Amino acid sequence: MNDYLLEILRCPKSGGKLELDKDKMELICKESKLAYPIVDGIPIMLLDEARELKEDTNEN
């Protein structure tokens, strides 16, 4: 994922900035505590496809 795309994409729920997790191939929003998958290089920015981040871990 290129830096420009990462800079313009925002979380559809909160409008917050997204961070790339290269290990899990996800875009992380700390504001909404959601992780959006990246499939074949394409970010899936649907709330139904997002994974909730656990608060009791140090998950990014």
Protein backbone atom coordinates (compact mmCIF):
# COMPACT_ATOMS: atom_id res chain seq x y z
CA MET A 1 0.00 0.00 0.00
CA ASN A 2 1.50 3.32 -0.98
CA ASP A 3 1.88 6.21 1.45
CA TYR A 4 -0.40 8.55 -0.51
CA LEU A 5 -3.34 6.14 -0.36
CA LEU A 6 -2.75 5.52 3.34
CA GLU A 7 -2.76 9.29 3.94
CA ILE A 8 -6.12 9.92 2.21
CA LEU A 9 -8.05 6.86 3.47
CA ARG A 10 -10.12 7.36 6.62
CA CYS A 11 -12.13 5.04 8.83
CA PRO A 12 -15.73 4.88 7.57
CA LYS A 13 -17.05 4.73 11.14
CA SER A 14 -15.09 7.46 12.94
CA GLY A 15 -13.36 9.34 10.14
CA GLY A 16 -10.10 8.69 11.98
CA LYS A 17 -6.68 8.16 10.49
CA LEU A 18 -5.65 4.61 9.60
CA GLU A 19 -2.36 2.85 10.30
CA LEU A 20 -0.98 -0.06 8.29
CA ASP A 21 -0.25 -3.34 10.06
CA LYS A 22 2.01 -5.10 7.55
CA ASP A 23 2.15 -8.36 9.54
CA LYS A 24 -1.64 -8.85 9.51
CA MET A 25 -2.27 -6.90 6.28
CA GLU A 26 -4.88 -4.67 7.92
CA LEU A 27 -5.62 -1.00 8.28
CA ILE A 28 -6.07 -0.10 11.95
CA CYS A 29 -8.22 2.71 13.34
CA LYS A 30 -7.44 3.40 16.99
CA GLU A 31 -10.43 5.76 17.37
CA SER A 32 -13.07 3.20 16.42
CA LYS A 33 -10.97 0.19 17.51
CA LEU A 34 -11.49 -1.54 14.15
CA ALA A 35 -9.16 -3.32 11.74
CA TYR A 36 -10.00 -3.39 8.03
CA PRO A 37 -8.52 -6.25 5.98
CA ILE A 38 -6.40 -5.77 2.87
CA VAL A 39 -7.16 -8.47 0.30
CA ASP A 40 -4.96 -8.77 -2.80
CA GLY A 41 -3.67 -5.24 -2.15
CA ILE A 42 -7.18 -3.75 -1.90
CA PRO A 43 -8.37 -2.35 1.44
CA ILE A 44 -11.88 -3.59 2.30
CA MET A 45 -13.38 -0.54 4.00
CA LEU A 46 -16.74 -2.05 4.95
CA LEU A 47 -17.91 -2.03 8.55
CA ASP A 48 -19.31 -5.54 8.13
CA GLU A 49 -15.84 -6.80 7.13
CA ALA A 50 -13.94 -4.99 9.90
CA ARG A 51 -12.55 -6.82 12.90
CA GLU A 52 -12.93 -5.37 16.40
CA LEU A 53 -9.66 -4.86 18.24
CA LYS A 54 -9.44 -6.29 21.72
CA GLU A 55 -8.96 -3.66 24.42
CA ASP A 56 -7.18 -5.98 26.83
CA THR A 57 -4.22 -6.56 24.49
CA ASN A 58 -1.60 -4.30 22.99
CA GLU A 59 -2.91 -5.05 19.53
CA ASN A 60 -2.19 -2.31 16.99
